[in-house]
PDB file of N, CA and C in Angstrom:
ATOM      1  N   MET A   1       6.938 -23.723   1.251  1.00  0.00           N
ATOM      2  CA  MET A   1       5.614 -23.249   0.889  1.00  0.00           C
ATOM      3  C   MET A   1       5.546 -23.128  -0.625  1.00  0.00           C
ATOM      4  N   PRO A   2       4.513 -23.690  -1.259  1.00  0.00           N
ATOM      5  CA  PRO A   2       4.424 -23.610  -2.716  1.00  0.00           C
ATOM      6  C   PRO A   2       4.186 -22.170  -3.182  1.00  0.00           C
ATOM      7  N   GLN A   3       4.783 -21.853  -4.308  1.00  0.00           N
ATOM      8  CA  GLN A   3       4.611 -20.522  -4.881  1.00  0.00           C
ATOM      9  C   GLN A   3       3.225 -20.410  -5.515  1.00  0.00           C
ATOM     10  N   PRO A   4       2.578 -19.259  -5.388  1.00  0.00           N
ATOM     11  CA  PRO A   4       1.261 -19.090  -6.008  1.00  0.00           C
ATOM     12  C   PRO A   4       1.387 -19.117  -7.531  1.00  0.00           C
ATOM     13  N   VAL A   5       0.369 -19.596  -8.164  1.00  0.00           N
ATOM     14  CA  VAL A   5       0.359 -19.699  -9.617  1.00  0.00           C
ATOM     15  C   VAL A   5      -0.434 -18.536 -10.190  1.00  0.00           C
ATOM     16  N   GLN A   6       0.179 -17.852 -11.131  1.00  0.00           N
ATOM     17  CA  GLN A   6      -0.506 -16.736 -11.774  1.00  0.00           C
ATOM     18  C   GLN A   6      -1.576 -17.303 -12.707  1.00  0.00           C
ATOM     19  N   PRO A   7      -2.761 -16.699 -12.731  1.00  0.00           N
ATOM     20  CA  PRO A   7      -3.803 -17.226 -13.610  1.00  0.00           C
ATOM     21  C   PRO A   7      -3.408 -17.075 -15.077  1.00  0.00           C
ATOM     22  N   THR A   8      -3.890 -17.981 -15.896  1.00  0.00           N
ATOM     23  CA  THR A   8      -3.612 -17.896 -17.321  1.00  0.00           C
ATOM     24  C   THR A   8      -4.420 -16.759 -17.936  1.00  0.00           C
ATOM     25  N   LYS A   9      -4.041 -16.372 -19.126  1.00  0.00           N
ATOM     26  CA  LYS A   9      -4.782 -15.308 -19.815  1.00  0.00           C
ATOM     27  C   LYS A   9      -6.227 -15.726 -20.036  1.00  0.00           C
ATOM     28  N   GLN A  10      -6.437 -16.998 -20.358  1.00  0.00           N
ATOM     29  CA  GLN A  10      -7.795 -17.472 -20.584  1.00  0.00           C
ATOM     30  C   GLN A  10      -8.617 -17.433 -19.304  1.00  0.00           C
ATOM     31  N   GLU A  11      -8.017 -17.765 -18.173  1.00  0.00           N
ATOM     32  CA  GLU A  11      -8.725 -17.691 -16.895  1.00  0.00           C
ATOM     33  C   GLU A  11      -9.119 -16.256 -16.579  1.00  0.00           C
ATOM     34  N   VAL A  12      -8.234 -15.318 -16.885  1.00  0.00           N
ATOM     35  CA  VAL A  12      -8.546 -13.899 -16.661  1.00  0.00           C
ATOM     36  C   VAL A  12      -9.676 -13.471 -17.594  1.00  0.00           C
ATOM     37  N   ARG A  13      -9.607 -13.885 -18.850  1.00  0.00           N
ATOM     38  CA  ARG A  13     -10.687 -13.547 -19.804  1.00  0.00           C
ATOM     39  C   ARG A  13     -12.025 -14.093 -19.332  1.00  0.00           C
ATOM     40  N   ASP A  14     -12.023 -15.361 -18.890  1.00  0.00           N
ATOM     41  CA  ASP A  14     -13.261 -15.980 -18.399  1.00  0.00           C
ATOM     42  C   ASP A  14     -13.805 -15.225 -17.193  1.00  0.00           C
ATOM     43  N   TYR A  15     -12.902 -14.854 -16.284  1.00  0.00           N
ATOM     44  CA  TYR A  15     -13.315 -14.112 -15.096  1.00  0.00           C
ATOM     45  C   TYR A  15     -13.933 -12.777 -15.495  1.00  0.00           C
ATOM     46  N   MET A  16     -13.258 -12.063 -16.392  1.00  0.00           N
ATOM     47  CA  MET A  16     -13.758 -10.749 -16.813  1.00  0.00           C
ATOM     48  C   MET A  16     -15.103 -10.880 -17.529  1.00  0.00           C
ATOM     49  N   GLU A  17     -15.267 -11.924 -18.320  1.00  0.00           N
ATOM     50  CA  GLU A  17     -16.533 -12.132 -19.015  1.00  0.00           C
ATOM     51  C   GLU A  17     -17.663 -12.368 -18.011  1.00  0.00           C
ATOM     52  N   LYS A  18     -17.398 -13.179 -17.002  1.00  0.00           N
ATOM     53  CA  LYS A  18     -18.412 -13.423 -15.969  1.00  0.00           C
ATOM     54  C   LYS A  18     -18.741 -12.144 -15.219  1.00  0.00           C
ATOM     55  N   ARG A  19     -17.728 -11.336 -14.942  1.00  0.00           N
ATOM     56  CA  ARG A  19     -17.943 -10.071 -14.238  1.00  0.00           C
ATOM     57  C   ARG A  19     -18.837  -9.153 -15.060  1.00  0.00           C
ATOM     58  N   GLN A  20     -18.600  -9.076 -16.357  1.00  0.00           N
ATOM     59  CA  GLN A  20     -19.394  -8.195 -17.203  1.00  0.00           C
ATOM     60  C   GLN A  20     -20.836  -8.682 -17.294  1.00  0.00           C
ATOM     61  N   GLU A  21     -21.021  -9.983 -17.336  1.00  0.00           N
ATOM     62  CA  GLU A  21     -22.373 -10.543 -17.419  1.00  0.00           C
ATOM     63  C   GLU A  21     -23.166 -10.333 -16.136  1.00  0.00           C
ATOM     64  N   SER A  22     -22.485 -10.227 -15.017  1.00  0.00           N
ATOM     65  CA  SER A  22     -23.187 -10.125 -13.740  1.00  0.00           C
ATOM     66  C   SER A  22     -23.808  -8.748 -13.511  1.00  0.00           C
ATOM     67  N   ARG A  23     -23.320  -7.740 -14.213  1.00  0.00           N
ATOM     68  CA  ARG A  23     -23.872  -6.376 -14.123  1.00  0.00           C
ATOM     69  C   ARG A  23     -23.835  -5.819 -12.694  1.00  0.00           C
ATOM     70  N   GLN A  24     -22.826  -6.179 -11.945  1.00  0.00           N
ATOM     71  CA  GLN A  24     -22.658  -5.671 -10.591  1.00  0.00           C
ATOM     72  C   GLN A  24     -21.449  -4.746 -10.555  1.00  0.00           C
ATOM     73  N   PRO A  25     -21.361  -3.913  -9.537  1.00  0.00           N
ATOM     74  CA  PRO A  25     -20.177  -3.059  -9.428  1.00  0.00           C
ATOM     75  C   PRO A  25     -18.929  -3.924  -9.238  1.00  0.00           C
ATOM     76  N   PRO A  26     -17.779  -3.407  -9.601  1.00  0.00           N
ATOM     77  CA  PRO A  26     -16.559  -4.203  -9.442  1.00  0.00           C
ATOM     78  C   PRO A  26     -16.307  -4.548  -7.984  1.00  0.00           C
ATOM     79  N   PRO A  27     -15.683  -5.687  -7.748  1.00  0.00           N
ATOM     80  CA  PRO A  27     -15.398  -6.077  -6.370  1.00  0.00           C
ATOM     81  C   PRO A  27     -14.331  -5.169  -5.767  1.00  0.00           C
ATOM     82  N   SER A  28     -14.279  -5.149  -4.456  1.00  0.00           N
ATOM     83  CA  SER A  28     -13.271  -4.351  -3.771  1.00  0.00           C
ATOM     84  C   SER A  28     -11.900  -4.991  -3.964  1.00  0.00           C
ATOM     85  N   ARG A  29     -10.870  -4.227  -3.683  1.00  0.00           N
ATOM     86  CA  ARG A  29      -9.500  -4.733  -3.811  1.00  0.00           C
ATOM     87  C   ARG A  29      -9.304  -5.959  -2.927  1.00  0.00           C
ATOM     88  N   LYS A  30      -9.847  -5.896  -1.728  1.00  0.00           N
ATOM     89  CA  LYS A  30      -9.734  -7.002  -0.786  1.00  0.00           C
ATOM     90  C   LYS A  30     -10.388  -8.271  -1.351  1.00  0.00           C
ATOM     91  N   ASP A  31     -11.557  -8.125  -1.956  1.00  0.00           N
ATOM     92  CA  ASP A  31     -12.252  -9.271  -2.537  1.00  0.00           C
ATOM     93  C   ASP A  31     -11.475  -9.856  -3.717  1.00  0.00           C
ATOM     94  N   ILE A  32     -10.896  -8.992  -4.535  1.00  0.00           N
ATOM     95  CA  ILE A  32     -10.109  -9.463  -5.673  1.00  0.00           C
ATOM     96  C   ILE A  32      -8.919 -10.275  -5.184  1.00  0.00           C
ATOM     97  N   LEU A  33      -8.203  -9.752  -4.196  1.00  0.00           N
ATOM     98  CA  LEU A  33      -7.049 -10.469  -3.656  1.00  0.00           C
ATOM     99  C   LEU A  33      -7.461 -11.809  -3.064  1.00  0.00           C
ATOM    100  N   ARG A  34      -8.607 -11.830  -2.391  1.00  0.00           N
ATOM    101  CA  ARG A  34      -9.091 -13.080  -1.794  1.00  0.00           C
ATOM    102  C   ARG A  34      -9.431 -14.091  -2.889  1.00  0.00           C
ATOM    103  N   GLN A  35     -10.107 -13.632  -3.944  1.00  0.00           N
ATOM    104  CA  GLN A  35     -10.493 -14.537  -5.026  1.00  0.00           C
ATOM    105  C   GLN A  35      -9.277 -15.119  -5.731  1.00  0.00           C
ATOM    106  N   LEU A  36      -8.222 -14.343  -5.828  1.00  0.00           N
ATOM    107  CA  LEU A  36      -7.010 -14.813  -6.497  1.00  0.00           C
ATOM    108  C   LEU A  36      -6.104 -15.603  -5.564  1.00  0.00           C
ATOM    109  N   GLY A  37      -6.427 -15.616  -4.274  1.00  0.00           N
ATOM    110  CA  GLY A  37      -5.606 -16.329  -3.316  1.00  0.00           C
ATOM    111  C   GLY A  37      -4.376 -15.558  -2.888  1.00  0.00           C
ATOM    112  N   TRP A  38      -4.311 -14.290  -3.220  1.00  0.00           N
ATOM    113  CA  TRP A  38      -3.134 -13.486  -2.913  1.00  0.00           C
ATOM    114  C   TRP A  38      -3.114 -13.042  -1.461  1.00  0.00           C
ATOM    115  N   GLU A  39      -4.213 -13.182  -0.758  1.00  0.00           N
ATOM    116  CA  GLU A  39      -4.219 -12.833   0.660  1.00  0.00           C
ATOM    117  C   GLU A  39      -3.255 -13.731   1.416  1.00  0.00           C
ATOM    118  N   LEU A  40      -3.087 -14.950   0.927  1.00  0.00           N
ATOM    119  CA  LEU A  40      -2.161 -15.879   1.564  1.00  0.00           C
ATOM    120  C   LEU A  40      -0.723 -15.399   1.416  1.00  0.00           C
ATOM    121  N   ILE A  41      -0.428 -14.766   0.296  1.00  0.00           N
ATOM    122  CA  ILE A  41       0.914 -14.222   0.078  1.00  0.00           C
ATOM    123  C   ILE A  41       1.175 -13.109   1.080  1.00  0.00           C
ATOM    124  N   GLU A  42       0.204 -12.231   1.251  1.00  0.00           N
ATOM    125  CA  GLU A  42       0.357 -11.133   2.199  1.00  0.00           C
ATOM    126  C   GLU A  42       0.567 -11.660   3.614  1.00  0.00           C
ATOM    127  N   GLN A  43      -0.187 -12.680   3.980  1.00  0.00           N
ATOM    128  CA  GLN A  43      -0.047 -13.253   5.314  1.00  0.00           C
ATOM    129  C   GLN A  43       1.338 -13.846   5.509  1.00  0.00           C
ATOM    130  N   SER A  44       1.829 -14.557   4.486  1.00  0.00           N
ATOM    131  CA  SER A  44       3.155 -15.168   4.627  1.00  0.00           C
ATOM    132  C   SER A  44       4.245 -14.108   4.685  1.00  0.00           C
ATOM    133  N   ARG A  45       4.074 -12.996   3.974  1.00  0.00           N
ATOM    134  CA  ARG A  45       5.045 -11.905   4.036  1.00  0.00           C
ATOM    135  C   ARG A  45       5.062 -11.279   5.433  1.00  0.00           C
ATOM    136  N   LYS A  46       3.888 -11.080   6.004  1.00  0.00           N
ATOM    137  CA  LYS A  46       3.810 -10.502   7.336  1.00  0.00           C
ATOM    138  C   LYS A  46       4.443 -11.439   8.366  1.00  0.00           C
ATOM    139  N   GLU A  47       4.186 -12.729   8.234  1.00  0.00           N
ATOM    140  CA  GLU A  47       4.776 -13.683   9.155  1.00  0.00           C
ATOM    141  C   GLU A  47       6.296 -13.704   9.031  1.00  0.00           C
ATOM    142  N   ALA A  48       6.784 -13.641   7.810  1.00  0.00           N
ATOM    143  CA  ALA A  48       8.235 -13.623   7.588  1.00  0.00           C
ATOM    144  C   ALA A  48       8.866 -12.360   8.168  1.00  0.00           C
ATOM    145  N   ALA A  49       8.172 -11.243   8.046  1.00  0.00           N
ATOM    146  CA  ALA A  49       8.679  -9.984   8.576  1.00  0.00           C
ATOM    147  C   ALA A  49       8.729 -10.029  10.109  1.00  0.00           C
ATOM    148  N   ARG A  50       7.756 -10.678  10.726  1.00  0.00           N
ATOM    149  CA  ARG A  50       7.739 -10.784  12.193  1.00  0.00           C
ATOM    150  C   ARG A  50       8.881 -11.669  12.691  1.00  0.00           C
ATOM    151  N   ARG A  51       9.253 -12.666  11.897  1.00  0.00           N
ATOM    152  CA  ARG A  51      10.311 -13.584  12.315  1.00  0.00           C
ATOM    153  C   ARG A  51      11.689 -12.941  12.246  1.00  0.00           C
ATOM    154  N   ARG A  52      11.833 -11.877  11.505  1.00  0.00           N
ATOM    155  CA  ARG A  52      13.149 -11.239  11.342  1.00  0.00           C
ATOM    156  C   ARG A  52      13.562 -10.504  12.552  1.00  0.00           C
TER     157      ARG A  52
END
Protein backbone atom coordinates (compact mmCIF):
# COMPACT_ATOMS: atom_id res chain seq x y z
CA MET A 1 0.00 0.00 0.00
CA PRO A 2 1.49 3.38 -0.95
CA GLN A 3 2.36 5.71 1.90
CA PRO A 4 0.30 8.90 2.11
CA VAL A 5 2.06 12.06 1.02
CA GLN A 6 2.17 14.96 3.41
CA PRO A 7 1.00 18.19 1.77
CA THR A 8 3.65 20.76 0.97
CA LYS A 9 3.82 24.02 2.89
CA GLN A 10 2.54 25.84 -0.17
CA GLU A 11 -0.46 23.50 -0.45
CA VAL A 12 -1.27 24.17 3.20
CA ARG A 13 -0.93 27.93 2.66
CA ASP A 14 -3.22 27.76 -0.39
CA TYR A 15 -5.76 25.72 1.57
CA MET A 16 -5.70 28.15 4.49
CA GLU A 17 -6.06 31.13 2.16
CA LYS A 18 -9.12 29.57 0.52
CA ARG A 19 -10.59 28.81 3.95
CA GLN A 20 -10.17 32.41 5.07
CA GLU A 21 -11.74 33.74 1.88
CA SER A 22 -14.78 31.50 2.24
CA ARG A 23 -15.83 33.14 5.54
CA GLN A 24 -17.33 29.89 6.81
CA PRO A 25 -16.79 28.19 10.15
CA PRO A 26 -13.86 25.78 10.23
CA PRO A 27 -14.56 22.26 9.02
CA SER A 28 -15.00 19.45 11.50
CA ARG A 29 -12.10 17.16 12.35
CA LYS A 30 -13.73 14.40 10.31
CA ASP A 31 -14.00 16.67 7.25
CA ILE A 32 -10.37 17.76 7.57
CA LEU A 33 -9.18 14.16 7.72
CA ARG A 34 -11.33 13.28 4.71
CA GLN A 35 -10.00 16.22 2.69
CA LEU A 36 -6.42 15.23 3.46
CA GLY A 37 -7.09 11.58 2.67
CA TRP A 38 -6.12 10.52 6.18
CA GLU A 39 -9.34 8.58 6.67
CA LEU A 40 -7.74 5.91 4.50
CA ILE A 41 -4.87 5.65 6.97
CA GLU A 42 -7.28 5.13 9.84
CA GLN A 43 -9.12 2.44 7.90
CA SER A 44 -5.91 0.60 7.07
CA ARG A 45 -4.82 0.76 10.73
CA LYS A 46 -8.13 -0.69 11.86
CA GLU A 47 -7.91 -3.46 9.28
CA ALA A 48 -4.36 -4.28 10.35
CA ALA A 49 -5.43 -4.39 13.99
CA ARG A 50 -8.26 -6.81 13.16
CA ARG A 51 -5.84 -9.12 11.34
CA ARG A 52 -3.61 -9.46 14.41
